[in-house]
Amino acid sequence: MANASTPADTAAETGAAPPGASTADRYPGTPRWVKMSVIVVLALALVLVIAAVATGGQHGPMRHMPAGAPSGEAMART
């Protein structure tokens, strides 16, 4: 028995977690592509928010009407 090893030694040598270890001990972490995707999505959302604030945030159906067009309230009164 020159090369007798215990199961714990074998697990340590191969990098495998022992049978009683939790999944947190074995999980290597979040992949880089997931982290980068989250960063890109957050950056785009931030750009959209900044653009909305910088342009005054004006929105709605009357934004595209000419300046002399009657408003919805004036049309409802007539």
Protein backbone atom coordinates (compact mmCIF):
# COMPACT_ATOMS: atom_id res chain seq x y z
CA MET A 1 0.00 0.00 0.00
CA ALA A 2 2.35 2.62 -1.19
CA ASN A 3 -0.23 5.13 -2.54
CA ALA A 4 -3.15 4.73 -0.18
CA SER A 5 -5.05 8.01 0.16
CA THR A 6 -8.16 8.98 2.02
CA PRO A 7 -11.20 10.38 0.18
CA ALA A 8 -10.57 13.77 1.78
CA ASP A 9 -7.04 13.85 0.35
CA THR A 10 -8.34 12.97 -3.09
CA ALA A 11 -10.97 15.72 -2.95
CA ALA A 12 -8.36 18.27 -1.88
CA GLU A 13 -6.02 17.24 -4.68
CA THR A 14 -8.69 17.45 -7.40
CA GLY A 15 -10.18 20.71 -6.13
CA ALA A 16 -13.57 19.11 -5.50
CA ALA A 17 -15.49 20.11 -2.43
CA PRO A 18 -15.99 17.51 0.29
CA PRO A 19 -19.41 15.82 0.35
CA GLY A 20 -20.69 17.92 3.27
CA ALA A 21 -19.74 21.28 1.73
CA SER A 22 -22.47 23.75 0.84
CA THR A 23 -23.13 24.89 -2.71
CA ALA A 24 -21.67 28.30 -1.83
CA ASP A 25 -18.31 26.63 -1.33
CA ARG A 26 -18.48 25.01 -4.77
CA TYR A 27 -20.05 27.86 -6.80
CA PRO A 28 -17.33 29.86 -8.61
CA GLY A 29 -19.32 33.11 -8.81
CA THR A 30 -21.22 35.11 -11.41
CA PRO A 31 -19.80 34.83 -14.93
CA ARG A 32 -18.08 37.89 -16.37
CA TRP A 33 -20.55 38.18 -19.27
CA VAL A 34 -23.45 38.49 -16.82
CA LYS A 35 -21.70 41.23 -14.87
CA MET A 36 -20.86 43.12 -18.07
CA SER A 37 -24.43 42.78 -19.37
CA VAL A 38 -25.80 44.25 -16.14
CA ILE A 39 -23.32 47.14 -16.32
CA VAL A 40 -24.26 47.89 -19.95
CA VAL A 41 -28.01 47.78 -19.22
CA LEU A 42 -27.62 50.06 -16.19
CA ALA A 43 -25.46 52.49 -18.20
CA LEU A 44 -28.08 52.66 -20.97
CA ALA A 45 -30.85 53.23 -18.44
CA LEU A 46 -28.82 56.03 -16.87
CA VAL A 47 -28.29 57.64 -20.28
CA LEU A 48 -32.04 57.49 -20.97
CA VAL A 49 -32.85 59.08 -17.61
CA ILE A 50 -30.29 61.84 -18.16
CA ALA A 51 -31.67 62.47 -21.68
CA ALA A 52 -35.23 62.70 -20.34
CA VAL A 53 -34.21 65.15 -17.62
CA ALA A 54 -32.02 67.22 -19.97
CA THR A 55 -34.81 67.64 -22.55
CA GLY A 56 -37.28 68.78 -19.93
CA GLY A 57 -39.15 65.50 -19.81
CA GLN A 58 -41.93 66.89 -22.01
CA HIS A 59 -44.11 64.13 -23.34
CA GLY A 60 -47.67 63.42 -24.31
CA PRO A 61 -49.87 63.73 -27.39
CA MET A 62 -49.84 67.56 -27.49
CA ARG A 63 -46.06 67.66 -27.85
CA HIS A 64 -46.32 67.05 -31.60
CA MET A 65 -49.11 69.56 -32.28
CA PRO A 66 -48.36 72.90 -33.92
CA ALA A 67 -48.25 75.92 -31.63
CA GLY A 68 -51.55 77.36 -32.88
CA ALA A 69 -53.53 74.14 -32.68
CA PRO A 70 -56.45 74.08 -30.27
CA SER A 71 -55.88 72.16 -27.06
CA GLY A 72 -57.97 69.20 -25.99
CA GLU A 73 -59.82 71.30 -23.39
CA ALA A 74 -60.78 73.98 -25.91
CA MET A 75 -62.06 71.36 -28.33
CA ALA A 76 -64.14 69.72 -25.58
CA ARG A 77 -65.89 73.02 -24.74
CA THR A 78 -67.10 73.61 -28.28
